């Protein structure tokens, strides 16, 4: 076991937090805390003398009251699958981690009202299963669905592959229960479709990254489980052709396009080269590819086939669930294949949908011209304007050194191009620690001032997730 860490938090404050968490609700064992101190990508590592694991909303409230009384910052953590260091504590050990994994109950499922109330520690796959049990679906999915928690997904306004049709987490939240920075419990779980009584405090907490309070439960919107799905992989000449295909599919299907993923040839090649169990979905080469999923109450294969025949260079429609899963794995495994190929500088950005096709080509050309050796891999969710704009190092043994040398210049340059195109430097991953400086540099000053005013009003002591987003 590691030696106890030295901490700037007073022993009396730690004792008060332990008492508030109750028996079984805390640990100061460094070996148990250590796995939670580094973010998923390994870019940020912090320190914390204590991990709190409250087993009830009352315990969360008591913890926050104790933290406020002693001036101890709290860092909420869900599944620790975030990509911007938003759930990593400060390196000086001045904050305490609070994990909501013991709040893991699905409190209710309302099939008639098409909502579900899940506590913050419920993992996404459990929500999918509970919705399916009553003939419904929760239309948000992402790669970390087996470990990402509802509290974390709401706090970061998570996206995923179905945003095109159903929106981000913000659009799927009907109500929230949260503990505010003074320990009071905000109960906005009723989920009334119409409630025109002023500021929407529940929505204020969505995407706040734990800087305004600790989410303890969420009422989620469900949709009827679709009776039919159709999945296809198509080859197209360029992103402009991909967008034309999307427009045609939306029109022909009446808006039943669930997912529309854009993949360049280089991305597919990485998957086929580095990962076993995959094969090329089409007979010939294509400069760009799209993965399409439609869902609805009626069969969709014939409609999909007609539109593909008119707008794609070549395509295949999955004939079974296994074939559909194989096509999806090609897209889902792309990040892993990219990591195996070598290091890259990752950017989670968005631009207006009509702008995306030209941006994917022109921005990549600009970066590759300005940084010799750079290889841009741009892929992602065409229908909602979200690109994973990753700048790969030149092939060879010096790739890591190249990344370290050019990263400080490349990321601001990419962000400058994004803002010039009317886009956002964070599409779905949040700000966390990683993008705070860039948000200050490029963010709308009026919006930033309003956000800081809200933070100051609700958390004047600054104890909620310090060093993240704007605080």
Protein backbone atom coordinates (compact mmCIF):
# COMPACT_ATOMS: atom_id res chain seq x y z
CA UNK A 1 0.00 0.00 0.00
CA UNK A 2 1.19 3.50 -0.79
CA UNK A 3 2.01 5.90 2.02
CA UNK A 4 -0.76 8.38 2.95
CA UNK A 5 -0.51 11.57 0.97
CA UNK A 6 0.14 14.97 2.46
CA UNK A 7 -2.92 17.16 1.96
CA UNK A 8 -3.73 20.84 2.48
CA UNK A 9 -7.19 19.83 3.75
CA UNK A 10 -7.49 20.08 7.52
CA UNK A 11 -8.05 16.81 9.44
CA UNK A 12 -11.22 18.26 10.96
CA UNK A 13 -12.63 18.91 7.51
CA UNK A 14 -11.83 15.38 6.35
CA UNK A 15 -13.44 13.97 9.48
CA UNK A 16 -16.59 16.03 8.86
CA UNK A 17 -16.82 14.74 5.29
CA UNK A 18 -16.34 11.16 6.42
CA UNK A 19 -19.09 11.55 9.01
CA UNK A 20 -21.42 13.02 6.42
CA UNK A 21 -20.79 10.14 4.02
CA UNK A 22 -21.55 7.61 6.74
CA UNK A 23 -20.28 4.05 7.26
CA UNK A 24 -19.16 2.46 4.00
CA UNK A 25 -19.45 5.79 2.22
CA UNK A 26 -15.80 6.79 2.06
CA UNK A 27 -12.25 5.55 1.74
CA UNK A 28 -8.84 7.12 2.22
CA UNK A 29 -6.99 4.06 0.91
CA UNK A 30 -4.57 5.41 -1.75
CA UNK A 31 -4.72 2.15 -3.69
CA UNK A 32 -8.49 2.41 -4.04
CA UNK A 33 -8.38 6.10 -4.91
CA UNK A 34 -5.52 5.85 -7.43
CA UNK A 35 -7.53 4.47 -10.41
CA UNK A 36 -9.80 7.52 -10.23
CA UNK A 37 -7.03 10.12 -10.30
CA UNK A 38 -6.19 9.96 -14.00
CA UNK A 39 -8.53 10.79 -16.86
CA UNK A 40 -9.49 8.23 -19.52
CA UNK A 41 -6.96 9.51 -22.06
CA UNK A 42 -4.17 9.71 -19.48
CA UNK A 43 -3.47 13.41 -20.04
CA UNK A 44 -4.38 14.64 -16.54
CA UNK A 45 -3.48 13.17 -13.17
CA UNK A 46 -4.55 14.69 -9.88
CA UNK A 47 -4.45 13.87 -6.19
CA UNK A 48 -7.13 13.48 -3.54
CA UNK A 49 -6.90 12.41 0.12
CA UNK A 50 -10.43 11.06 0.22
CA UNK A 51 -13.00 9.36 -1.99
CA UNK A 52 -16.62 9.81 -0.95
CA UNK A 53 -19.25 7.30 -2.13
CA UNK A 54 -22.59 8.42 -0.66
CA UNK A 55 -25.41 5.92 -0.68
CA UNK A 56 -28.33 8.35 -0.65
CA UNK A 57 -29.33 11.84 -1.72
CA UNK A 58 -29.43 12.80 1.96
CA UNK A 59 -25.80 11.75 2.29
CA UNK A 60 -24.84 13.82 -0.77
CA UNK A 61 -26.59 16.82 0.79
CA UNK A 62 -24.78 16.28 4.09
CA UNK A 63 -21.44 16.00 2.29
CA UNK A 64 -21.97 19.23 0.38
CA UNK A 65 -23.02 21.05 3.55
CA UNK A 66 -19.87 19.84 5.30
CA UNK A 67 -17.72 20.80 2.31
CA UNK A 68 -19.27 24.27 2.24
CA UNK A 69 -18.74 24.74 5.98
CA UNK A 70 -15.06 23.82 5.74
CA UNK A 71 -14.34 25.30 2.30
CA UNK A 72 -13.35 21.96 0.77
CA UNK A 73 -13.77 21.67 -3.02
CA UNK A 74 -15.59 18.61 -4.38
CA UNK A 75 -14.92 16.92 -7.71
CA UNK A 76 -17.88 14.80 -8.88
CA UNK A 77 -17.02 11.70 -10.87
CA UNK A 78 -19.20 9.28 -12.82
CA UNK A 79 -17.73 6.53 -14.97
CA UNK A 80 -14.51 8.55 -15.53
CA UNK A 81 -14.89 8.13 -19.29
CA UNK A 82 -14.66 11.84 -20.14
CA UNK A 83 -12.09 13.09 -22.63
CA UNK A 84 -11.27 16.59 -21.33
CA UNK A 85 -10.17 15.98 -17.74
CA UNK A 86 -13.45 17.23 -16.32
CA UNK A 87 -13.62 14.64 -13.52
CA UNK A 88 -9.95 14.71 -12.49
CA UNK A 89 -9.06 16.43 -9.18
CA UNK A 90 -6.39 19.14 -8.87
CA UNK A 91 -2.80 17.93 -8.60
CA UNK A 92 -2.23 19.59 -5.21
CA UNK A 93 -4.66 17.36 -3.31
CA UNK A 94 -6.82 20.33 -2.31
CA UNK A 95 -10.10 18.68 -3.36
CA UNK A 96 -12.03 15.55 -2.50
CA UNK A 97 -13.54 13.13 -5.01
CA UNK A 98 -17.22 12.28 -4.77
CA UNK A 99 -18.46 9.32 -6.81
CA UNK A 100 -22.15 8.63 -7.31
CA UNK A 101 -21.83 4.94 -8.24
CA UNK A 102 -23.83 3.80 -5.19
CA UNK A 103 -26.80 5.87 -6.36
CA UNK A 104 -27.60 3.24 -8.97
CA UNK A 105 -31.36 2.70 -8.84
CA UNK A 106 -33.85 3.12 -11.64
CA UNK A 107 -36.61 4.69 -9.58
CA UNK A 108 -39.43 4.47 -12.08
CA UNK A 109 -40.30 3.69 -15.68
CA UNK A 110 -43.35 5.41 -17.14
CA UNK A 111 -44.28 3.74 -20.42
CA UNK A 112 -47.39 5.88 -20.87
CA UNK A 113 -45.52 9.14 -20.36
CA UNK A 114 -42.41 7.75 -22.05
CA UNK A 115 -39.99 8.74 -19.28
CA UNK A 116 -37.65 6.97 -16.90
CA UNK A 117 -36.09 8.21 -13.66
CA UNK A 118 -32.52 6.97 -13.13
CA UNK A 119 -30.15 7.86 -10.33
CA UNK A 120 -26.83 9.40 -11.24
CA UNK A 121 -24.80 6.21 -10.90
CA UNK A 122 -26.88 4.11 -13.30
CA UNK A 123 -24.85 3.07 -16.35
CA UNK A 124 -26.23 3.75 -19.79
CA UNK A 125 -26.68 0.08 -20.73
CA UNK A 126 -28.97 -0.39 -17.71
CA UNK A 127 -31.17 2.45 -18.93
CA UNK A 128 -31.33 0.87 -22.38
CA UNK A 129 -32.42 -2.43 -20.85
CA UNK A 130 -35.05 -0.85 -18.58
CA UNK A 131 -36.54 1.09 -21.48
CA UNK A 132 -36.59 -1.97 -23.73
CA UNK A 133 -38.45 -3.95 -21.05
CA UNK A 134 -41.50 -1.69 -21.54
CA UNK A 135 -41.30 -1.44 -25.33
CA UNK A 136 -39.43 1.85 -25.37
CA UNK A 137 -35.92 3.03 -26.15
CA UNK A 138 -33.58 5.65 -24.75
CA UNK A 139 -32.09 7.13 -27.92
CA UNK A 140 -28.57 7.97 -26.83
CA UNK A 141 -25.67 5.62 -27.36
CA UNK A 142 -21.89 5.90 -27.37
CA UNK A 143 -18.83 3.73 -27.13
CA UNK A 144 -18.56 3.95 -23.33
CA UNK A 145 -22.18 2.89 -22.76
CA UNK A 146 -21.12 0.06 -20.46
CA UNK A 147 -19.39 2.41 -17.99
CA UNK A 148 -20.70 5.94 -18.64
CA UNK A 149 -23.21 6.97 -15.98
CA UNK A 150 -26.37 9.01 -16.28
CA UNK A 151 -25.08 11.71 -13.96
CA UNK A 152 -21.93 12.11 -16.00
CA UNK A 153 -23.80 12.04 -19.30
CA UNK A 154 -26.11 14.82 -18.12
CA UNK A 155 -23.30 16.86 -16.58
CA UNK A 156 -21.36 16.81 -19.84
CA UNK A 157 -24.37 17.04 -22.19
CA UNK A 158 -23.18 13.89 -23.96
CA UNK A 159 -23.87 13.35 -27.65
CA UNK A 160 -23.28 10.07 -29.46
CA UNK A 161 -24.42 8.59 -32.74
CA UNK A 162 -28.16 9.39 -32.57
CA UNK A 163 -27.97 13.15 -32.08
CA UNK A 164 -29.01 13.66 -35.70
CA UNK A 165 -32.56 12.56 -34.90
CA UNK A 166 -32.95 12.84 -31.13
CA UNK A 167 -30.54 15.55 -30.00
CA UNK A 168 -27.90 15.60 -27.28
CA UNK A 169 -28.48 14.68 -23.65
CA UNK A 170 -29.93 18.15 -23.09
CA UNK A 171 -32.83 17.32 -25.41
CA UNK A 172 -33.44 14.02 -23.62
CA UNK A 173 -33.59 15.36 -20.05
CA UNK A 174 -37.13 15.96 -18.77
CA UNK A 175 -36.15 16.74 -15.20
CA UNK A 176 -33.30 16.70 -12.67
CA UNK A 177 -32.68 16.25 -8.98
CA UNK A 178 -29.45 17.85 -7.78
CA UNK A 179 -27.67 19.04 -4.67
CA UNK A 180 -26.73 22.70 -4.93
CA UNK A 181 -23.46 24.15 -3.58
CA UNK A 182 -25.05 25.05 -0.22
CA UNK A 183 -26.36 21.51 0.29
CA UNK A 184 -29.99 22.16 -0.57
CA UNK A 185 -31.71 19.60 -2.81
CA UNK A 186 -33.24 20.93 -6.02
CA UNK A 187 -36.11 18.62 -7.04
CA UNK A 188 -37.14 19.19 -10.63
CA UNK A 189 -37.98 15.56 -11.43
CA UNK A 190 -41.69 15.98 -12.17
CA UNK A 191 -40.97 16.12 -15.88
CA UNK A 192 -44.00 18.19 -16.83
CA UNK A 193 -44.10 18.65 -20.62
CA UNK A 194 -45.45 22.15 -20.00
CA UNK A 195 -44.12 24.17 -17.06
CA UNK A 196 -43.73 27.82 -17.95
CA UNK A 197 -42.68 29.16 -14.55
CA UNK A 198 -39.38 30.86 -15.25
CA UNK A 199 -35.76 29.80 -15.60
CA UNK A 200 -35.23 26.12 -16.38
CA UNK A 201 -32.87 25.25 -13.54
CA UNK A 202 -32.69 21.60 -14.56
CA UNK A 203 -31.36 22.50 -17.98
CA UNK A 204 -28.88 24.90 -16.39
CA UNK A 205 -27.20 21.91 -14.75
CA UNK A 206 -26.99 19.92 -17.99
CA UNK A 207 -23.56 20.52 -19.48
CA UNK A 208 -22.35 22.41 -16.40
CA UNK A 209 -19.72 19.70 -15.72
CA UNK A 210 -20.50 19.63 -12.00
CA UNK A 211 -19.57 23.29 -11.51
CA UNK A 212 -23.04 24.34 -10.32
CA UNK A 213 -24.12 21.33 -8.27
CA UNK A 214 -24.12 17.54 -8.09
CA UNK A 215 -26.77 15.75 -10.15
CA UNK A 216 -28.29 12.86 -8.18
CA UNK A 217 -31.10 11.72 -10.50
CA UNK A 218 -32.47 12.45 -13.97
CA UNK A 219 -35.85 11.96 -15.60
CA UNK A 220 -35.06 10.84 -19.14
CA UNK A 221 -37.23 11.02 -22.22
CA UNK A 222 -37.93 7.74 -23.97
CA UNK A 223 -39.21 7.01 -27.47
CA UNK A 224 -41.18 4.04 -28.81
CA UNK A 225 -38.86 1.17 -29.64
CA UNK A 226 -38.64 1.08 -33.43
CA UNK A 227 -40.02 -2.08 -35.00
CA UNK A 228 -37.69 -1.93 -37.98
CA UNK A 229 -34.12 -0.82 -38.59
CA UNK A 230 -32.12 -0.59 -41.77
CA UNK A 231 -28.33 -0.23 -41.76
CA UNK A 232 -26.17 0.45 -44.80
CA UNK A 233 -22.60 1.28 -45.76
CA UNK A 234 -22.14 3.44 -48.86
CA UNK A 235 -19.24 4.80 -50.88
CA UNK A 236 -19.35 8.39 -52.13
CA UNK A 237 -17.01 10.71 -53.99
CA UNK A 238 -16.72 13.44 -51.37
CA UNK A 239 -18.41 14.93 -48.29
CA UNK A 240 -20.62 17.10 -50.53
CA UNK A 241 -22.07 13.93 -52.06
CA UNK A 242 -22.51 12.50 -48.57
CA UNK A 243 -24.55 15.54 -47.51
CA UNK A 244 -26.71 15.28 -50.63
CA UNK A 245 -27.36 11.64 -49.73
CA UNK A 246 -28.37 12.61 -46.20
CA UNK A 247 -30.78 15.28 -47.46
CA UNK A 248 -32.38 12.79 -49.83
CA UNK A 249 -32.74 10.15 -47.12
CA UNK A 250 -34.31 12.58 -44.66
CA UNK A 251 -36.83 13.69 -47.25
CA UNK A 252 -37.70 10.21 -48.47
CA UNK A 253 -38.01 8.71 -44.98
CA UNK A 254 -39.87 11.55 -43.31
CA UNK A 255 -37.05 12.13 -40.83
CA UNK A 256 -36.36 8.52 -39.84
CA UNK A 257 -32.58 8.79 -40.22
CA UNK A 258 -31.11 7.85 -36.82
CA UNK A 259 -27.41 7.96 -37.65
CA UNK A 260 -25.27 9.16 -40.53
CA UNK A 261 -21.53 8.72 -40.00
CA UNK A 262 -18.88 10.09 -42.34
CA UNK A 263 -15.64 8.08 -42.70
CA UNK A 264 -12.74 8.85 -45.08
CA UNK A 265 -10.95 6.08 -46.91
CA UNK A 266 -7.94 6.54 -44.65
CA UNK A 267 -10.08 5.79 -41.61
CA UNK A 268 -11.48 2.58 -43.03
CA UNK A 269 -7.98 1.54 -44.10
CA UNK A 270 -6.74 1.95 -40.52
CA UNK A 271 -9.43 -0.38 -39.19
CA UNK A 272 -8.75 -3.03 -41.84
CA UNK A 273 -4.99 -2.79 -41.29
CA UNK A 274 -4.77 -2.82 -37.51
CA UNK A 275 -7.76 -4.80 -36.24
CA UNK A 276 -8.67 -8.42 -36.87
CA UNK A 277 -12.19 -9.55 -37.65
CA UNK A 278 -13.02 -6.81 -40.15
CA UNK A 279 -13.40 -6.89 -43.91
CA UNK A 280 -14.03 -4.21 -46.51
CA UNK A 281 -17.77 -3.66 -46.84
CA UNK A 282 -17.65 -2.70 -50.53
CA UNK A 283 -15.94 -4.31 -53.51
CA UNK A 284 -13.98 -1.29 -54.75
CA UNK A 285 -12.18 1.71 -53.27
CA UNK A 286 -14.00 4.95 -52.46
CA UNK A 287 -12.62 8.26 -51.27
CA UNK A 288 -15.32 8.64 -48.62
CA UNK A 289 -17.79 6.36 -46.89
CA UNK A 290 -20.99 6.80 -44.91
CA UNK A 291 -22.62 4.51 -42.35
CA UNK A 292 -26.40 4.95 -42.28
CA UNK A 293 -29.08 3.75 -39.90
CA UNK A 294 -32.81 4.32 -40.31
CA UNK A 295 -35.41 3.32 -37.74
CA UNK A 296 -39.20 3.37 -37.77
CA UNK A 297 -42.49 1.49 -37.52
CA UNK A 298 -42.41 0.18 -41.11
CA UNK A 299 -39.79 -1.74 -43.12
CA UNK A 300 -37.20 0.65 -44.54
CA UNK A 301 -34.88 -1.48 -46.68
CA UNK A 302 -36.61 -0.76 -50.00
CA UNK A 303 -36.72 2.98 -49.37
CA UNK A 304 -33.06 2.96 -48.38
CA UNK A 305 -32.11 0.95 -51.46
CA UNK A 306 -33.88 3.38 -53.80
CA UNK A 307 -32.15 6.44 -52.34
CA UNK A 308 -28.75 4.75 -52.33
CA UNK A 309 -29.15 3.74 -55.96
CA UNK A 310 -29.70 7.38 -56.89
CA UNK A 311 -27.14 9.06 -54.65
CA UNK A 312 -24.30 6.64 -53.76
CA UNK A 313 -21.51 5.23 -55.92
CA UNK A 314 -21.88 1.81 -54.29
CA UNK A 315 -23.60 0.49 -51.17
CA UNK A 316 -24.49 -2.56 -49.16
CA UNK A 317 -27.55 -2.94 -46.91
CA UNK A 318 -27.21 -5.24 -43.91
CA UNK A 319 -29.34 -8.35 -44.33
CA UNK A 320 -29.24 -9.33 -40.65
CA UNK A 321 -28.56 -8.00 -37.20
CA UNK A 322 -25.11 -9.58 -37.30
CA UNK A 323 -24.26 -7.81 -40.56
CA UNK A 324 -25.53 -4.51 -39.18
CA UNK A 325 -23.36 -4.97 -36.09
CA UNK A 326 -20.34 -5.71 -38.28
CA UNK A 327 -20.85 -2.48 -40.21
CA UNK A 328 -21.18 -0.51 -36.98
CA UNK A 329 -17.99 -2.07 -35.60
CA UNK A 330 -16.08 -0.64 -38.55
CA UNK A 331 -17.03 2.84 -37.36
CA UNK A 332 -16.82 2.17 -33.62
CA UNK A 333 -13.36 0.63 -33.88
CA UNK A 334 -11.89 3.53 -35.84
CA UNK A 335 -10.56 5.39 -32.76
CA UNK A 336 -8.84 2.22 -31.52
CA UNK A 337 -7.30 1.59 -34.94
CA UNK A 338 -6.07 5.16 -35.06
CA UNK A 339 -4.38 4.80 -31.65
CA UNK A 340 -2.66 1.63 -32.77
CA UNK A 341 -1.36 3.38 -35.87
CA UNK A 342 0.35 6.10 -33.87
CA UNK A 343 -0.18 9.29 -31.87
CA UNK A 344 -2.50 12.09 -32.93
CA UNK A 345 -3.80 15.43 -31.73
CA UNK A 346 -7.55 15.12 -31.23
CA UNK A 347 -10.13 17.84 -31.77
CA UNK A 348 -13.85 17.45 -31.05
CA UNK A 349 -15.34 20.28 -33.08
CA UNK A 350 -18.56 21.24 -34.82
CA UNK A 351 -19.49 23.56 -37.67
CA UNK A 352 -22.86 24.32 -39.30
CA UNK A 353 -24.01 21.27 -41.26
CA UNK A 354 -24.03 23.04 -44.66
CA UNK A 355 -20.44 24.14 -44.04
CA UNK A 356 -19.08 20.75 -42.95
CA UNK A 357 -18.34 19.18 -46.37
CA UNK A 358 -16.15 22.08 -47.50
CA UNK A 359 -14.60 22.45 -44.05
CA UNK A 360 -13.58 18.77 -43.89
CA UNK A 361 -11.60 19.24 -47.11
CA UNK A 362 -10.29 22.79 -46.83
CA UNK A 363 -9.33 22.77 -43.14
CA UNK A 364 -7.49 19.49 -43.58
CA UNK A 365 -5.58 20.93 -46.55
CA UNK A 366 -4.66 24.07 -44.58
CA UNK A 367 -3.33 22.12 -41.60
CA UNK A 368 -1.36 19.70 -43.75
CA UNK A 369 0.16 22.58 -45.71
CA UNK A 370 1.06 24.65 -42.64
CA UNK A 371 2.47 21.70 -40.67
CA UNK A 372 4.52 19.52 -43.04
CA UNK A 373 4.09 15.84 -42.30
CA UNK A 374 0.69 16.22 -40.67
CA UNK A 375 -1.98 13.76 -41.75
CA UNK A 376 -5.53 14.86 -40.95
CA UNK A 377 -8.18 12.25 -40.23
CA UNK A 378 -11.61 13.92 -40.13
CA UNK A 379 -14.59 11.70 -39.42
CA UNK A 380 -17.78 11.81 -37.44
CA UNK A 381 -21.42 12.75 -37.30
CA UNK A 382 -22.18 14.56 -40.55
CA UNK A 383 -25.85 15.18 -39.79
CA UNK A 384 -25.17 17.24 -36.67
CA UNK A 385 -22.01 18.96 -37.88
CA UNK A 386 -19.67 17.19 -35.46
CA UNK A 387 -16.22 16.20 -36.73
CA UNK A 388 -13.45 14.40 -34.90
CA UNK A 389 -10.69 16.39 -36.56
CA UNK A 390 -7.57 14.45 -35.64
CA UNK A 391 -4.09 15.46 -36.76
CA UNK A 392 -1.87 12.39 -37.03
CA UNK A 393 1.90 12.48 -36.84
CA UNK A 394 4.10 11.50 -39.76
CA UNK A 395 4.80 7.78 -39.84
CA UNK A 396 8.06 6.79 -38.20
CA UNK A 397 9.90 6.49 -34.90
CA UNK A 398 9.79 10.24 -34.14
CA UNK A 399 6.00 10.49 -34.13
CA UNK A 400 5.65 11.20 -30.40
CA UNK A 401 8.32 13.89 -30.51
CA UNK A 402 6.61 15.51 -33.51
CA UNK A 403 3.30 15.58 -31.63
CA UNK A 404 4.91 17.16 -28.58
CA UNK A 405 6.60 19.80 -30.70
CA UNK A 406 3.63 20.91 -32.81
CA UNK A 407 0.66 20.39 -30.48
CA UNK A 408 0.88 23.90 -28.94
CA UNK A 409 0.56 25.43 -32.41
CA UNK A 410 -1.78 22.99 -34.15
CA UNK A 411 -4.70 23.02 -31.71
CA UNK A 412 -5.12 26.83 -31.64
CA UNK A 413 -4.85 26.86 -35.43
CA UNK A 414 -7.57 24.24 -35.80
CA UNK A 415 -9.77 26.13 -33.36
CA UNK A 416 -9.22 29.38 -35.26
CA UNK A 417 -10.44 27.71 -38.45
CA UNK A 418 -13.46 26.29 -36.60
CA UNK A 419 -14.48 29.65 -35.13
CA UNK A 420 -14.00 31.35 -38.50
CA UNK A 421 -16.44 28.81 -39.95
CA UNK A 422 -19.03 29.66 -37.29
CA UNK A 423 -18.40 26.51 -35.26
CA UNK A 424 -17.63 25.35 -31.74
CA UNK A 425 -14.35 24.12 -30.26
CA UNK A 426 -16.26 21.50 -28.24
CA UNK A 427 -19.05 19.58 -29.92
CA UNK A 428 -19.74 16.76 -27.47
CA UNK A 429 -16.83 16.20 -25.06
CA UNK A 430 -17.11 19.39 -23.00
CA UNK A 431 -14.48 21.86 -21.82
CA UNK A 432 -13.11 20.34 -18.60
CA UNK A 433 -9.49 21.29 -18.00
CA UNK A 434 -8.35 20.65 -21.54
CA UNK A 435 -10.07 23.54 -23.31
CA UNK A 436 -10.47 26.20 -20.60
CA UNK A 437 -7.80 28.49 -22.01
CA UNK A 438 -9.13 28.14 -25.54
CA UNK A 439 -12.66 28.91 -24.35
CA UNK A 440 -11.40 32.11 -22.76
CA UNK A 441 -9.44 33.00 -25.90
CA UNK A 442 -12.21 32.32 -28.40
CA UNK A 443 -15.49 32.36 -26.48
CA UNK A 444 -18.11 35.08 -26.78
CA UNK A 445 -17.23 37.57 -24.00
CA UNK A 446 -20.89 38.32 -23.29
CA UNK A 447 -21.71 34.64 -22.88
CA UNK A 448 -18.65 34.00 -20.74
CA UNK A 449 -19.56 36.91 -18.46
CA UNK A 450 -23.09 35.55 -18.05
CA UNK A 451 -21.74 32.08 -17.23
CA UNK A 452 -19.35 33.49 -14.64
CA UNK A 453 -22.18 35.47 -13.06
CA UNK A 454 -24.27 32.30 -12.74
CA UNK A 455 -21.34 30.43 -11.24
CA UNK A 456 -20.71 33.21 -8.72
CA UNK A 457 -24.38 33.37 -7.76
CA UNK A 458 -24.79 29.64 -7.14
CA UNK A 459 -21.30 28.73 -5.94
CA UNK A 460 -19.72 31.86 -4.43
CA UNK A 461 -17.19 29.80 -2.46
CA UNK A 462 -16.06 28.00 -5.62
CA UNK A 463 -16.22 24.50 -4.12
CA UNK A 464 -17.90 22.78 -7.09
CA UNK A 465 -15.39 21.09 -9.42
CA UNK A 466 -12.75 23.83 -9.36
CA UNK A 467 -10.57 24.37 -12.41
CA UNK A 468 -13.15 23.03 -14.88
CA UNK A 469 -15.19 24.81 -17.53
CA UNK A 470 -15.16 28.39 -16.21
CA UNK A 471 -14.44 27.90 -12.49
